[in-house]
Structure formats: structure tokens, C-alpha cells
Amino acid sequence: MYRITIMKLYNREFLAIVLFGSYVSVACAQSSLTLYGSIDEGIGYVSNVKGGTAWVMGPITVPDQFGFKGAEDLGGGTKAIFQLENGFFSNTGALASSGVLFSRKAFVGLSDDRWGTVTLGKQWDLTDDVLLPNANGAVQYNYFLYHPANIDNDAVTTVNNTVKYAGVPWHGVSARAMYGFSDASTGQGRYVGAALLYKSSALQLGAVYSDTRDKAYALHTSLGYDSFLGQDLSGGAAFKARDSRIFGVAGTYSPNRQWAFHAVLDTARIASESDAANATTAELGVDWNITPFDTVLLGGYRTWFAGKNYTTAGLSNLYHLSVRTMLYAQATFQHAGGGAHAALLSLSPASGSNQASLRVGVQHFF
């Protein structure tokens, strides 16, 4: 009798363990959580920073980042999704934005196989959905190749308090729309954006339009402007645009595995209470995959802005040690005309019309 009781208890415990294990397996199959990120570090030389040369360390190729993203299968082709992403500096360990834990992304939403995806929170400007994948800055992994002062939001640009819809592709074509409510913490007004994208095996194309109220631009620290459209910036103050409108088209053509050609054309109109100025950028690039592990990339752009112009070219060699680890060497040069000072993005302006950067480093994705 004693042995029978023990066996019954053992069988019940074993059955409970089996059932619990099955429950955990099902739960894991229906949900996912991913920790991801990247770390870039290297050594760079800049020919002219406020009249002197400089050695630069820190994340330049791809800004350092870490994040979490996950999904829960709700059944019927619907999922709950979220993403939290922050930037940091590998050379100091500091956060990219002081006091902000998730400076790049923080959103939650629902995704459906038939109706598309709706997300709410801090998200990237729709210009990043269209321009960024085709820009030399992203393709060459070279932040210096993004456009002057990021006026056209070509580099990563976040918008707070947003609602975004991304439609399901139909014959390669998909539409996206986003609305951002006014943000009291930054003083930025409402945002409205729309994008249309097409993708096939060899070609990707996109068009985007956005309109932002009360956006701030660091034209003094980024371009060295002491004044702009009637606003005094000499003390380092940011230019506050009453309205900012951006329209852009971009695309990439990859005829085979060895070659890829990409282009961006956009214009940004920023207006004060009494005046306005346009920044128009034309960009081209070509990628040559010498081997599956080694790629040489050449590209550049020209920006016309308020009577000034900026011509920038970059040459990069990316060598992949593995899927996640890459060595790189980069050369970037900018010539400014119309009385402007050269100013590669994220660097202090030069004292004259020319600025050059040479950099070698390593990039690791996890």
C-alpha cells in the first residue's frame, strides 16, 4: 500500500512537470524577446576642426546602440509587438542623450498579416524609412556622409508621441503614415508624414513627405552659422523653425550580387515667421562586392542651402570577418562653397572651406 501511494504521488508529480513543460514550450513558441545592439570603435584623423587637426575616437561608423524587441502571437495572424532602443558611446560609456534611457525607439503596437501594423510611442521620422536605406551614410557605415546639419532628416531622427501605420505590401508596394502630437518636453510641434515604398528582388524605391512644426536645428554648432533667417545664433542657440517640410525620393538597384547603385534626391524647406530657405541634396553611390566578405563603396552628395553649397565624397572598404564583425577603413572629404565653412556631420565646423577625415575601426553587431 505504501509503495502504491508513493508511485501515485510520483506519477502525479511527473504528469504535472510534463504539463508545465508543455505550457512553457507553447508560451515560448507564441512569444519572442530579443536583445540586440552594435558597438563601433576606431581611430580617426580630421584635417580641420576650428582651424586645427584632431584625433577622434568613439562610434562614428554606426552609432552604438542596444535594445529589446519582442512579439506575442495573439492568434489569427495578429501579434502584439514592442521595441526599446537606446544609444551610447563606446569610448566613454555615456548615454547618447543625458537623462534619456531609450533615446532611439520606444514603442508598442499591434501587427496583423492582413491589415498592417499600428505602433505608438517614440519612433523614427518616416524620412528614415525611405532615405536612410539608400543613403551613403548608411550603406558605407559612415556617419560623416549624412547631409549637413541633418536638415533633411536623412540620418536617424526621432519623433516623440507618435502613431504610425505601416500597410501590408501588395505586389511589392506599401504605404506608411505617421502623426506626432506636440511634445512639451522638447517644444516641438505636431508632425505629419506619409511614405510610399516599392521593393522587388533587384529594385527598391521610395517617396516621402513630412511636415513638422517648431523644430529646432543646431545650425551654429553644426554649420557655424551666427545667424539665420533673422534669428541670432551667435551664442550657440538653436534655430527654431516655425515649419519644416521635407520631400524626398530614393532608390537602390542591384543587378547582381557584385554591384549595387543607390541614389537620394530631396529638398527641405525650413521657415521662420518671416522668411524661408531650401536645402536641396542630390546623392549617388556605388557598391562593389569584390568577394562575399570584402566590399568597396564610393559615393557622395551635393547640398545647396541658402546660397551656400556643400560637396562631399566618401570611399570605404568594409571587410567582414564574420556575419557580425567587420573591419573598415574610410576616407571622407567635404568642400564648402558660397562662403560656407566645411562641416562634416557630428564634427565641429572647419575654419575654412575644406575638411577631411580618415578612419579605421571595427564594428560588432550582437
Protein backbone atom coordinates (compact mmCIF):
# COMPACT_ATOMS: atom_id res chain seq x y z
CA MET A 1 0.00 0.00 0.00
CA TYR A 2 2.82 2.36 0.88
CA ARG A 3 4.61 1.62 -2.40
CA ILE A 4 1.39 2.17 -4.37
CA THR A 5 0.82 5.57 -2.72
CA ILE A 6 4.39 6.65 -3.44
CA MET A 7 4.02 5.57 -7.07
CA LYS A 8 0.75 7.51 -7.39
CA LEU A 9 2.34 10.65 -5.96
CA TYR A 10 5.35 10.21 -8.24
CA ASN A 11 3.14 9.80 -11.30
CA ARG A 12 1.11 12.92 -10.40
CA GLU A 13 4.28 15.00 -9.95
CA PHE A 14 5.70 13.67 -13.19
CA LEU A 15 2.46 14.48 -15.03
CA ALA A 16 2.46 18.00 -13.54
CA ILE A 17 6.03 18.55 -14.69
CA VAL A 18 5.21 17.32 -18.20
CA LEU A 19 2.14 19.53 -18.42
CA PHE A 20 4.05 22.57 -17.11
CA GLY A 21 6.86 21.93 -19.58
CA SER A 22 4.34 21.72 -22.41
CA TYR A 23 2.79 25.01 -21.28
CA VAL A 24 6.20 26.73 -21.23
CA SER A 25 7.04 25.36 -24.68
CA VAL A 26 3.76 26.65 -26.11
CA ALA A 27 4.27 30.05 -24.44
CA CYS A 28 7.81 30.30 -25.82
CA ALA A 29 6.58 29.30 -29.27
CA GLN A 30 4.00 32.10 -29.21
CA SER A 31 6.25 34.83 -27.82
CA SER A 32 9.75 36.10 -28.55
CA LEU A 33 12.17 38.50 -26.90
CA THR A 34 15.43 39.65 -28.49
CA LEU A 35 18.33 41.62 -27.06
CA TYR A 36 20.38 43.24 -29.83
CA GLY A 37 22.82 46.07 -30.49
CA SER A 38 26.10 47.17 -32.02
CA ILE A 39 29.44 48.55 -30.87
CA ASP A 40 31.74 50.62 -33.09
CA GLU A 41 35.20 51.81 -32.12
CA GLY A 42 38.08 53.14 -34.11
CA ILE A 43 40.65 55.88 -34.55
CA GLY A 44 40.11 58.82 -36.85
CA TYR A 45 42.07 61.84 -38.05
CA VAL A 46 40.33 65.10 -39.03
CA SER A 47 42.25 67.68 -41.03
CA ASN A 48 40.45 70.84 -39.91
CA VAL A 49 38.37 71.31 -36.75
CA LYS A 50 38.09 75.03 -35.89
CA GLY A 51 41.44 75.55 -37.58
CA GLY A 52 43.33 72.65 -36.02
CA THR A 53 43.76 68.94 -36.61
CA ALA A 54 42.15 66.38 -34.34
CA TRP A 55 42.17 62.70 -33.48
CA VAL A 56 38.68 61.30 -32.95
CA MET A 57 37.54 58.15 -31.16
CA GLY A 58 34.04 56.87 -30.48
CA PRO A 59 31.13 55.49 -32.53
CA ILE A 60 31.15 57.08 -35.98
CA THR A 61 30.51 54.20 -38.37
CA VAL A 62 27.23 53.11 -36.74
CA PRO A 63 26.18 54.85 -33.52
CA ASP A 64 26.47 52.44 -30.60
CA GLN A 65 23.12 51.06 -29.57
CA PHE A 66 21.39 48.34 -27.59
CA GLY A 67 17.76 47.40 -27.45
CA PHE A 68 14.99 44.94 -26.77
CA LYS A 69 12.25 43.89 -29.14
CA GLY A 70 9.55 41.31 -28.78
CA ALA A 71 6.32 39.89 -30.12
CA GLU A 72 3.43 37.87 -28.74
CA ASP A 73 1.27 35.79 -31.05
CA LEU A 74 -2.37 36.65 -30.34
CA GLY A 75 -3.74 34.24 -32.93
CA GLY A 76 -5.39 34.77 -36.30
CA GLY A 77 -2.28 36.40 -37.77
CA THR A 78 -2.18 39.16 -35.15
CA LYS A 79 0.77 39.95 -32.88
CA ALA A 80 1.48 42.39 -30.08
CA ILE A 81 4.91 43.97 -30.66
CA PHE A 82 7.25 46.36 -28.87
CA GLN A 83 10.75 47.81 -29.24
CA LEU A 84 13.01 49.74 -26.85
CA GLU A 85 16.34 51.08 -28.16
CA ASN A 86 19.00 53.38 -26.73
CA GLY A 87 22.23 54.93 -27.97
CA PHE A 88 25.54 55.14 -26.09
CA PHE A 89 29.21 55.97 -26.66
CA SER A 90 31.70 53.12 -26.57
CA ASN A 91 34.67 55.41 -25.86
CA THR A 92 33.11 56.79 -22.63
CA GLY A 93 30.17 54.52 -21.81
CA ALA A 94 27.89 57.56 -21.59
CA LEU A 95 24.30 57.55 -22.87
CA ALA A 96 23.74 59.28 -26.20
CA SER A 97 21.12 61.57 -24.61
CA SER A 98 21.68 62.50 -20.98
CA GLY A 99 18.75 61.51 -18.80
CA VAL A 100 17.00 59.58 -21.59
CA LEU A 101 17.03 55.80 -21.23
CA PHE A 102 15.61 54.95 -24.68
CA SER A 103 16.72 57.77 -26.96
CA ARG A 104 16.22 55.99 -30.29
CA LYS A 105 12.98 53.98 -30.06
CA ALA A 106 10.27 53.24 -27.50
CA PHE A 107 7.02 51.96 -28.97
CA VAL A 108 4.34 49.29 -28.67
CA GLY A 109 1.65 48.19 -31.11
CA LEU A 110 -0.26 45.53 -32.99
CA SER A 111 0.72 43.80 -36.22
CA ASP A 112 -1.70 41.89 -38.46
CA ASP A 113 -0.88 39.85 -41.57
CA ARG A 114 -3.88 41.30 -43.45
CA TRP A 115 -4.34 44.83 -42.13
CA GLY A 116 -0.81 46.02 -41.40
CA THR A 117 0.89 47.40 -38.30
CA VAL A 118 -0.04 50.20 -35.89
CA THR A 119 2.56 51.38 -33.36
CA LEU A 120 2.54 54.14 -30.74
CA GLY A 121 5.39 55.90 -28.93
CA LYS A 122 8.81 57.31 -29.82
CA GLN A 123 9.63 56.36 -33.42
CA TRP A 124 11.83 57.33 -36.35
CA ASP A 125 10.76 60.01 -38.80
CA LEU A 126 9.33 58.46 -41.99
CA THR A 127 12.21 60.01 -43.94
CA ASP A 128 14.38 57.36 -42.29
CA ASP A 129 12.16 54.62 -43.77
CA VAL A 130 12.76 55.97 -47.28
CA LEU A 131 16.05 57.89 -47.44
CA LEU A 132 18.20 56.08 -44.88
CA PRO A 133 18.39 52.60 -46.54
CA ASN A 134 19.62 54.22 -49.79
CA ALA A 135 21.97 56.86 -48.34
CA ASN A 136 25.77 56.64 -48.47
CA GLY A 137 25.90 57.29 -44.74
CA ALA A 138 24.04 54.05 -44.02
CA VAL A 139 25.37 51.94 -46.90
CA GLN A 140 29.01 52.90 -46.26
CA TYR A 141 28.53 52.76 -42.47
CA ASN A 142 29.95 56.31 -42.40
CA TYR A 143 28.10 58.87 -40.30
CA PHE A 144 30.16 61.70 -41.82
CA LEU A 145 28.39 61.11 -45.15
CA TYR A 146 24.98 62.17 -43.89
CA HIS A 147 23.88 65.61 -45.03
CA PRO A 148 24.77 68.99 -43.46
CA ALA A 149 23.19 69.52 -40.02
CA ASN A 150 20.78 66.67 -40.89
CA ILE A 151 18.35 69.30 -42.19
CA ASP A 152 16.56 66.71 -44.33
CA ASN A 153 16.40 64.11 -41.51
CA ASP A 154 18.50 61.79 -43.67
CA ALA A 155 20.24 60.42 -40.58
CA VAL A 156 18.29 58.83 -37.73
CA THR A 157 15.71 61.35 -36.49
CA THR A 158 13.24 60.52 -33.73
CA VAL A 159 9.78 61.92 -33.11
CA ASN A 160 8.01 61.66 -29.75
CA ASN A 161 4.31 60.96 -29.13
CA THR A 162 3.63 59.32 -32.49
CA VAL A 163 1.06 57.00 -34.03
CA LYS A 164 2.33 55.12 -37.09
CA TYR A 165 0.62 52.86 -39.60
CA ALA A 166 2.55 50.58 -42.00
CA GLY A 167 0.48 48.76 -44.61
CA VAL A 168 0.97 45.21 -45.84
CA PRO A 169 2.90 45.11 -49.17
CA TRP A 170 0.76 44.50 -52.25
CA HIS A 171 2.74 43.38 -55.31
CA GLY A 172 5.78 44.97 -53.69
CA VAL A 173 4.05 48.31 -52.95
CA SER A 174 3.32 49.50 -49.41
CA ALA A 175 2.21 52.75 -47.79
CA ARG A 176 3.02 54.28 -44.41
CA ALA A 177 1.68 57.23 -42.45
CA MET A 178 2.61 58.80 -39.12
CA TYR A 179 1.26 61.54 -36.89
CA GLY A 180 3.11 63.06 -33.97
CA PHE A 181 1.44 65.12 -31.26
CA SER A 182 3.11 68.23 -29.84
CA ASP A 183 5.94 67.42 -27.44
CA ALA A 184 6.11 69.65 -24.36
CA SER A 185 9.49 68.23 -23.28
CA THR A 186 11.31 69.43 -26.43
CA GLY A 187 8.99 72.20 -27.59
CA GLN A 188 8.49 70.53 -30.97
CA GLY A 189 5.04 70.87 -32.51
CA ARG A 190 2.93 68.36 -34.37
CA TYR A 191 4.35 66.09 -37.07
CA VAL A 192 2.63 64.67 -40.17
CA GLY A 193 4.29 62.25 -42.59
CA ALA A 194 3.46 59.84 -45.41
CA ALA A 195 5.57 57.44 -47.47
CA LEU A 196 5.17 55.08 -50.41
CA LEU A 197 7.62 52.22 -50.96
CA TYR A 198 8.25 49.58 -53.61
CA LYS A 199 10.54 46.57 -53.37
CA SER A 200 11.41 43.72 -55.73
CA SER A 201 14.34 41.33 -55.93
CA ALA A 202 16.60 43.87 -57.69
CA LEU A 203 14.99 47.26 -57.04
CA GLN A 204 13.76 49.28 -54.08
CA LEU A 205 12.18 52.73 -54.43
CA GLY A 206 10.54 55.16 -52.06
CA ALA A 207 8.99 58.61 -51.77
CA VAL A 208 8.32 60.53 -48.56
CA TYR A 209 6.75 63.79 -47.39
CA SER A 210 6.80 65.20 -43.88
CA ASP A 211 5.74 68.43 -42.18
CA THR A 212 6.96 69.37 -38.69
CA ARG A 213 6.11 72.44 -36.61
CA ASP A 214 8.52 74.25 -34.28
CA LYS A 215 11.56 72.07 -34.98
CA ALA A 216 14.98 73.12 -33.63
CA TYR A 217 18.17 72.97 -35.76
CA ALA A 218 21.70 73.27 -34.34
CA LEU A 219 22.94 75.44 -37.22
CA HIS A 220 25.54 77.22 -35.09
CA THR A 221 27.29 74.15 -33.66
CA SER A 222 26.81 72.05 -36.82
CA LEU A 223 27.50 74.59 -39.59
CA GLY A 224 28.99 77.59 -37.78
CA TYR A 225 26.13 79.99 -38.60
CA ASP A 226 25.95 83.06 -36.34
CA SER A 227 22.52 84.00 -37.66
CA PHE A 228 19.87 82.51 -39.92
CA LEU A 229 16.59 83.88 -41.27
CA GLY A 230 16.68 86.76 -38.82
CA GLN A 231 17.48 84.71 -35.70
CA ASP A 232 20.68 85.39 -33.73
CA LEU A 233 22.60 82.12 -33.20
CA SER A 234 25.98 83.54 -32.16
CA GLY A 235 25.64 82.37 -28.55
CA GLY A 236 25.11 78.78 -29.65
CA ALA A 237 21.31 78.97 -29.68
CA ALA A 238 19.43 76.60 -31.96
CA PHE A 239 17.43 77.92 -34.90
CA LYS A 240 13.72 77.39 -34.27
CA ALA A 241 11.79 76.81 -37.48
CA ARG A 242 8.10 77.63 -37.47
CA ASP A 243 7.55 74.98 -40.14
CA SER A 244 9.76 72.31 -41.77
CA ARG A 245 8.67 70.45 -44.87
CA ILE A 246 10.65 67.63 -46.48
CA PHE A 247 10.05 65.82 -49.75
CA GLY A 248 12.39 63.11 -50.98
CA VAL A 249 12.75 60.16 -53.33
CA ALA A 250 15.38 57.42 -53.10
CA GLY A 251 16.20 54.03 -54.54
CA THR A 252 18.69 51.20 -54.93
CA TYR A 253 19.26 48.97 -57.94
CA SER A 254 21.16 45.69 -57.51
CA PRO A 255 21.50 43.94 -60.90
CA ASN A 256 23.57 41.14 -59.38
CA ARG A 257 25.40 40.17 -56.21
CA GLN A 258 28.53 42.07 -57.22
CA TRP A 259 27.13 45.57 -57.84
CA ALA A 260 24.60 47.94 -56.31
CA PHE A 261 23.74 51.54 -57.25
CA HIS A 262 21.80 53.88 -54.98
CA ALA A 263 20.58 57.48 -55.10
CA VAL A 264 18.78 60.09 -52.99
CA LEU A 265 17.14 63.35 -54.09
CA ASP A 266 15.38 65.52 -51.54
CA THR A 267 14.52 69.07 -50.60
CA ALA A 268 13.82 70.51 -47.16
CA ARG A 269 12.10 73.87 -46.70
CA ILE A 270 12.55 75.44 -43.28
CA ALA A 271 10.67 78.64 -42.49
CA SER A 272 10.78 81.27 -39.76
CA GLU A 273 7.94 83.65 -39.01
CA SER A 274 9.01 85.95 -41.86
CA ASP A 275 11.30 84.06 -44.25
CA ALA A 276 12.21 80.60 -45.59
CA ALA A 277 15.16 78.72 -47.08
CA ASN A 278 15.52 75.48 -49.03
CA ALA A 279 18.13 72.74 -48.66
CA THR A 280 18.29 70.53 -51.77
CA THR A 281 20.50 67.45 -51.88
CA ALA A 282 21.44 65.11 -54.74
CA GLU A 283 23.34 61.96 -53.84
CA LEU A 284 24.80 58.96 -55.71
CA GLY A 285 26.69 55.86 -54.64
CA VAL A 286 28.02 52.56 -55.97
CA ASP A 287 28.96 49.39 -54.07
CA TRP A 288 31.37 46.76 -55.44
CA ASN A 289 31.35 43.40 -53.68
CA ILE A 290 34.82 42.14 -54.55
CA THR A 291 34.18 38.95 -52.60
CA PRO A 292 31.32 37.88 -50.31
CA PHE A 293 33.44 39.25 -47.45
CA ASP A 294 35.03 42.40 -48.94
CA THR A 295 33.18 45.45 -50.30
CA VAL A 296 34.45 48.75 -51.70
CA LEU A 297 31.98 51.65 -51.69
CA LEU A 298 32.22 55.06 -53.36
CA GLY A 299 29.66 57.82 -53.11
CA GLY A 300 28.94 61.45 -52.49
CA TYR A 301 26.41 64.24 -52.45
CA ARG A 302 25.97 67.94 -53.10
CA THR A 303 23.72 70.13 -50.95
CA TRP A 304 22.57 73.64 -51.87
CA PHE A 305 21.39 75.59 -48.83
CA ALA A 306 20.55 79.30 -48.51
CA GLY A 307 23.12 80.43 -51.09
CA LYS A 308 25.81 78.07 -49.81
CA ASN A 309 26.78 74.61 -51.03
CA TYR A 310 28.45 71.51 -49.61
CA THR A 311 30.09 68.85 -51.80
CA THR A 312 31.07 65.64 -50.00
CA ALA A 313 32.61 62.36 -51.16
CA GLY A 314 33.44 59.16 -49.31
CA LEU A 315 35.40 55.99 -50.02
CA SER A 316 35.08 52.94 -47.78
CA ASN A 317 36.38 49.41 -47.59
CA LEU A 318 34.34 47.02 -45.44
CA TYR A 319 35.84 43.63 -44.64
CA HIS A 320 33.61 41.13 -42.83
CA LEU A 321 35.43 38.76 -40.51
CA SER A 322 32.06 37.14 -39.82
CA VAL A 323 28.36 37.90 -40.13
CA ARG A 324 28.55 40.07 -37.02
CA THR A 325 32.08 41.53 -37.03
CA MET A 326 33.51 43.94 -39.59
CA LEU A 327 36.78 45.82 -40.07
CA TYR A 328 36.63 49.08 -42.01
CA ALA A 329 38.72 51.89 -43.47
CA GLN A 330 37.11 55.16 -44.56
CA ALA A 331 38.09 58.44 -46.20
CA THR A 332 35.69 61.39 -46.32
CA PHE A 333 36.20 64.85 -47.85
CA GLN A 334 33.98 67.92 -47.96
CA HIS A 335 34.37 71.21 -49.84
CA ALA A 336 32.02 74.08 -48.99
CA GLY A 337 31.25 76.99 -51.31
CA GLY A 338 29.38 80.26 -51.22
CA GLY A 339 31.22 81.45 -48.12
CA ALA A 340 30.31 78.39 -46.04
CA HIS A 341 32.68 76.53 -43.74
CA ALA A 342 33.08 72.80 -44.30
CA ALA A 343 31.24 70.82 -41.62
CA LEU A 344 31.03 67.03 -41.74
CA LEU A 345 28.07 65.84 -39.68
CA SER A 346 28.86 65.36 -35.96
CA LEU A 347 32.18 67.25 -36.26
CA SER A 348 32.81 70.88 -35.35
CA PRO A 349 32.95 73.15 -38.42
CA ALA A 350 36.28 73.80 -40.11
CA SER A 351 37.91 77.21 -40.19
CA GLY A 352 37.80 77.19 -43.99
CA SER A 353 36.09 75.56 -46.94
CA ASN A 354 37.70 72.10 -46.70
CA GLN A 355 37.51 69.29 -44.16
CA ALA A 356 38.73 65.69 -44.45
CA SER A 357 38.56 62.59 -42.27
CA LEU A 358 40.48 59.31 -42.29
CA ARG A 359 39.32 56.49 -40.03
CA VAL A 360 39.93 52.79 -39.33
CA GLY A 361 37.98 50.69 -36.88
CA VAL A 362 35.95 47.63 -36.00
CA GLN A 363 32.19 47.19 -35.82
CA HIS A 364 30.46 44.36 -33.95
CA PHE A 365 26.76 43.52 -34.02
CA PHE A 366 25.10 41.36 -31.38
